[in-house]
Amino acid sequence: MLIPAKRGGWWDANKIGLAPPPLQTPEGWLILYHGVRQTVAGSIYRLGLALLDLDDPTRVLRRSDRWVFGPDASYEREGDVDGVVFPCGWIAQGDEIKLYYGGADTCVALATGNLSDLLQFVKSCPEGSGYD
């Protein structure tokens, strides 16, 4: 298993899943994954980042210990499945990232960000997969 679910109170403690294909960057393969945490109110799906080695993508260089994107807007919190943001695809156009994602299993939305910011963030995260 490349990125195992953590145990305990982590944001990605119960389930890990990939969605969009990895992005090749000079720093390594950037992957976006969803993590699920069970709460009293139900499951919450949030997104995190990991960076894989360019030459050996089975080697996790860094993994975010904090989530980077979670349900906030009403269309992400209320719908067919409440409290879900689920990545569907992303594209890089220069430094801009466009992330297409599902909100509460009811709609598709678009979020944008900067590739340089995502790489800077993930490079500041702990080394390895979290269970090394």
C-alpha atoms as a PDB file:
ATOM      1  CA  MET A   1       0.000   0.000   0.000  1.00  0.00           C
ATOM      2  CA  LEU A   2       1.518   3.294  -1.103  1.00  0.00           C
ATOM      3  CA  ILE A   3      -0.298   5.598   1.323  1.00  0.00           C
ATOM      4  CA  PRO A   4      -1.966   3.780   4.216  1.00  0.00           C
ATOM      5  CA  ALA A   5      -4.787   5.266   6.260  1.00  0.00           C
ATOM      6  CA  LYS A   6      -3.591   6.504   9.624  1.00  0.00           C
ATOM      7  CA  ARG A   7      -5.075   5.408  12.921  1.00  0.00           C
ATOM      8  CA  GLY A   8      -6.513   7.688  15.559  1.00  0.00           C
ATOM      9  CA  GLY A   9      -7.859  11.205  15.194  1.00  0.00           C
ATOM     10  CA  TRP A  10      -6.115  12.166  11.951  1.00  0.00           C
ATOM     11  CA  TRP A  11      -8.112  13.794   9.163  1.00  0.00           C
ATOM     12  CA  ASP A  12      -7.313  10.772   6.951  1.00  0.00           C
ATOM     13  CA  ALA A  13      -7.667   8.094   9.626  1.00  0.00           C
ATOM     14  CA  ASN A  14     -10.274   5.746   8.184  1.00  0.00           C
ATOM     15  CA  LYS A  15      -9.913   5.604   4.423  1.00  0.00           C
ATOM     16  CA  ILE A  16      -7.537   6.801   1.722  1.00  0.00           C
ATOM     17  CA  GLY A  17      -8.341   7.049  -1.964  1.00  0.00           C
ATOM     18  CA  LEU A  18      -6.831   8.570  -5.078  1.00  0.00           C
ATOM     19  CA  ALA A  19      -8.726  10.486  -7.689  1.00  0.00           C
ATOM     20  CA  PRO A  20      -7.016  12.569 -10.380  1.00  0.00           C
ATOM     21  CA  PRO A  21      -3.862  11.244 -12.034  1.00  0.00           C
ATOM     22  CA  PRO A  22      -0.545  12.433 -10.566  1.00  0.00           C
ATOM     23  CA  LEU A  23       1.016  15.621 -11.912  1.00  0.00           C
ATOM     24  CA  GLN A  24       4.626  15.398 -13.017  1.00  0.00           C
ATOM     25  CA  THR A  25       6.616  18.301 -11.543  1.00  0.00           C
ATOM     26  CA  PRO A  26      10.358  18.993 -11.290  1.00  0.00           C
ATOM     27  CA  GLU A  27      10.095  18.113  -7.573  1.00  0.00           C
ATOM     28  CA  GLY A  28       8.398  14.737  -8.137  1.00  0.00           C
ATOM     29  CA  TRP A  29       4.953  13.306  -8.846  1.00  0.00           C
ATOM     30  CA  LEU A  30       2.356  15.372  -7.009  1.00  0.00           C
ATOM     31  CA  ILE A  31      -0.698  13.404  -5.993  1.00  0.00           C
ATOM     32  CA  LEU A  32      -3.956  14.581  -4.530  1.00  0.00           C
ATOM     33  CA  TYR A  33      -5.825  12.074  -2.419  1.00  0.00           C
ATOM     34  CA  HIS A  34      -8.949  12.023  -0.320  1.00  0.00           C
ATOM     35  CA  GLY A  35      -9.055  10.959   3.270  1.00  0.00           C
ATOM     36  CA  VAL A  36     -12.107  10.065   5.297  1.00  0.00           C
ATOM     37  CA  ARG A  37     -12.580  10.677   8.979  1.00  0.00           C
ATOM     38  CA  GLN A  38     -15.539   9.253  10.860  1.00  0.00           C
ATOM     39  CA  THR A  39     -17.203  11.675  13.258  1.00  0.00           C
ATOM     40  CA  VAL A  40     -20.307  11.492  15.392  1.00  0.00           C
ATOM     41  CA  ALA A  41     -22.073  13.482  12.671  1.00  0.00           C
ATOM     42  CA  GLY A  42     -20.880  11.112   9.918  1.00  0.00           C
ATOM     43  CA  SER A  43     -17.993  10.876   7.468  1.00  0.00           C
ATOM     44  CA  ILE A  44     -16.012  13.905   6.341  1.00  0.00           C
ATOM     45  CA  TYR A  45     -14.051  13.740   3.091  1.00  0.00           C
ATOM     46  CA  ARG A  46     -11.056  16.052   2.833  1.00  0.00           C
ATOM     47  CA  LEU A  47      -8.121  16.306   0.438  1.00  0.00           C
ATOM     48  CA  GLY A  48      -4.402  16.059   1.075  1.00  0.00           C
ATOM     49  CA  LEU A  49      -1.192  15.982  -0.940  1.00  0.00           C
ATOM     50  CA  ALA A  50       1.729  13.624  -1.317  1.00  0.00           C
ATOM     51  CA  LEU A  51       4.918  13.865  -3.334  1.00  0.00           C
ATOM     52  CA  LEU A  52       6.398  10.771  -4.970  1.00  0.00           C
ATOM     53  CA  ASP A  53       9.899  10.250  -6.312  1.00  0.00           C
ATOM     54  CA  LEU A  54      10.157  10.984 -10.067  1.00  0.00           C
ATOM     55  CA  ASP A  55      12.266   7.919 -10.833  1.00  0.00           C
ATOM     56  CA  ASP A  56      10.607   5.560  -8.345  1.00  0.00           C
ATOM     57  CA  PRO A  57       6.954   6.575  -7.831  1.00  0.00           C
ATOM     58  CA  THR A  58       6.526   3.792  -5.271  1.00  0.00           C
ATOM     59  CA  ARG A  59       8.661   5.921  -2.921  1.00  0.00           C
ATOM     60  CA  VAL A  60       6.687   8.541  -0.984  1.00  0.00           C
ATOM     61  CA  LEU A  61       8.887  11.582  -0.356  1.00  0.00           C
ATOM     62  CA  ARG A  62       6.375  13.674   1.596  1.00  0.00           C
ATOM     63  CA  ARG A  63       2.805  13.383   2.815  1.00  0.00           C
ATOM     64  CA  SER A  64       0.632  16.134   4.209  1.00  0.00           C
ATOM     65  CA  ASP A  65      -0.268  15.737   7.838  1.00  0.00           C
ATOM     66  CA  ARG A  66      -2.914  18.435   7.419  1.00  0.00           C
ATOM     67  CA  TRP A  67      -5.710  18.472   4.887  1.00  0.00           C
ATOM     68  CA  VAL A  68      -5.584  21.156   2.188  1.00  0.00           C
ATOM     69  CA  PHE A  69      -9.205  21.258   1.021  1.00  0.00           C
ATOM     70  CA  GLY A  70     -12.425  20.300   2.764  1.00  0.00           C
ATOM     71  CA  PRO A  71     -16.169  20.883   2.686  1.00  0.00           C
ATOM     72  CA  ASP A  72     -16.983  24.481   3.549  1.00  0.00           C
ATOM     73  CA  ALA A  73     -19.616  25.936   1.212  1.00  0.00           C
ATOM     74  CA  SER A  74     -23.240  24.888   1.586  1.00  0.00           C
ATOM     75  CA  TYR A  75     -23.155  22.906  -1.696  1.00  0.00           C
ATOM     76  CA  GLU A  76     -20.232  20.877  -0.247  1.00  0.00           C
ATOM     77  CA  ARG A  77     -21.820  20.346   3.159  1.00  0.00           C
ATOM     78  CA  GLU A  78     -25.427  19.573   2.169  1.00  0.00           C
ATOM     79  CA  GLY A  79     -26.591  17.302  -0.625  1.00  0.00           C
ATOM     80  CA  ASP A  80     -26.988  13.632  -1.471  1.00  0.00           C
ATOM     81  CA  VAL A  81     -23.951  12.853   0.729  1.00  0.00           C
ATOM     82  CA  ASP A  82     -23.274  15.624   3.222  1.00  0.00           C
ATOM     83  CA  GLY A  83     -19.764  16.852   4.018  1.00  0.00           C
ATOM     84  CA  VAL A  84     -17.998  15.588   0.903  1.00  0.00           C
ATOM     85  CA  VAL A  85     -15.492  17.115  -1.479  1.00  0.00           C
ATOM     86  CA  PHE A  86     -14.281  14.499  -3.916  1.00  0.00           C
ATOM     87  CA  PRO A  87     -11.590  15.289  -6.513  1.00  0.00           C
ATOM     88  CA  CYS A  88     -12.511  14.322 -10.066  1.00  0.00           C
ATOM     89  CA  GLY A  89      -9.664  15.782 -12.103  1.00  0.00           C
ATOM     90  CA  TRP A  90      -7.085  18.521 -12.219  1.00  0.00           C
ATOM     91  CA  ILE A  91      -5.017  20.261 -14.836  1.00  0.00           C
ATOM     92  CA  ALA A  92      -1.957  22.465 -14.645  1.00  0.00           C
ATOM     93  CA  GLN A  93      -1.706  25.461 -16.953  1.00  0.00           C
ATOM     94  CA  GLY A  94       1.636  27.037 -16.158  1.00  0.00           C
ATOM     95  CA  ASP A  95       1.530  27.723 -12.419  1.00  0.00           C
ATOM     96  CA  GLU A  96      -2.265  27.582 -12.219  1.00  0.00           C
ATOM     97  CA  ILE A  97      -4.015  24.425 -11.037  1.00  0.00           C
ATOM     98  CA  LYS A  98      -7.672  23.861 -11.850  1.00  0.00           C
ATOM     99  CA  LEU A  99      -9.297  21.232  -9.642  1.00  0.00           C
ATOM    100  CA  TYR A 100     -12.669  19.830 -10.643  1.00  0.00           C
ATOM    101  CA  TYR A 101     -14.434  18.220  -7.712  1.00  0.00           C
ATOM    102  CA  GLY A 102     -17.767  16.925  -6.550  1.00  0.00           C
ATOM    103  CA  GLY A 103     -19.579  18.682  -3.732  1.00  0.00           C
ATOM    104  CA  ALA A 104     -21.841  16.590  -1.467  1.00  0.00           C
ATOM    105  CA  ASP A 105     -22.334  14.175  -4.381  1.00  0.00           C
ATOM    106  CA  THR A 106     -24.753  16.722  -5.828  1.00  0.00           C
ATOM    107  CA  CYS A 107     -22.718  19.069  -8.021  1.00  0.00           C
ATOM    108  CA  VAL A 108     -19.378  19.523  -9.773  1.00  0.00           C
ATOM    109  CA  ALA A 109     -17.352  22.582  -8.829  1.00  0.00           C
ATOM    110  CA  LEU A 110     -14.029  24.200  -9.750  1.00  0.00           C
ATOM    111  CA  ALA A 111     -11.290  25.368  -7.401  1.00  0.00           C
ATOM    112  CA  THR A 112      -8.082  27.054  -8.505  1.00  0.00           C
ATOM    113  CA  GLY A 113      -4.677  27.429  -6.923  1.00  0.00           C
ATOM    114  CA  ASN A 114      -0.991  27.731  -7.693  1.00  0.00           C
ATOM    115  CA  LEU A 115       1.219  24.741  -8.352  1.00  0.00           C
ATOM    116  CA  SER A 116       4.138  26.538  -6.713  1.00  0.00           C
ATOM    117  CA  ASP A 117       2.104  27.004  -3.508  1.00  0.00           C
ATOM    118  CA  LEU A 118       1.085  23.330  -3.450  1.00  0.00           C
ATOM    119  CA  LEU A 119       4.672  22.200  -3.955  1.00  0.00           C
ATOM    120  CA  GLN A 120       5.947  24.569  -1.280  1.00  0.00           C
ATOM    121  CA  PHE A 121       3.329  23.217   1.130  1.00  0.00           C
ATOM    122  CA  VAL A 122       3.968  19.523   0.448  1.00  0.00           C
ATOM    123  CA  LYS A 123       7.753  20.005   0.693  1.00  0.00           C
ATOM    124  CA  SER A 124       7.216  21.388   4.207  1.00  0.00           C
ATOM    125  CA  CYS A 125       5.334  18.221   5.245  1.00  0.00           C
ATOM    126  CA  PRO A 126       6.845  15.222   7.035  1.00  0.00           C
ATOM    127  CA  GLU A 127       9.015  12.858   5.047  1.00  0.00           C
ATOM    128  CA  GLY A 128       7.671   9.487   3.975  1.00  0.00           C
ATOM    129  CA  SER A 129       4.205   7.991   3.899  1.00  0.00           C
ATOM    130  CA  GLY A 130       3.411   8.634   7.547  1.00  0.00           C
ATOM    131  CA  TYR A 131       4.213   5.070   8.625  1.00  0.00           C
ATOM    132  CA  ASP A 132       7.899   4.814   7.747  1.00  0.00           C
END
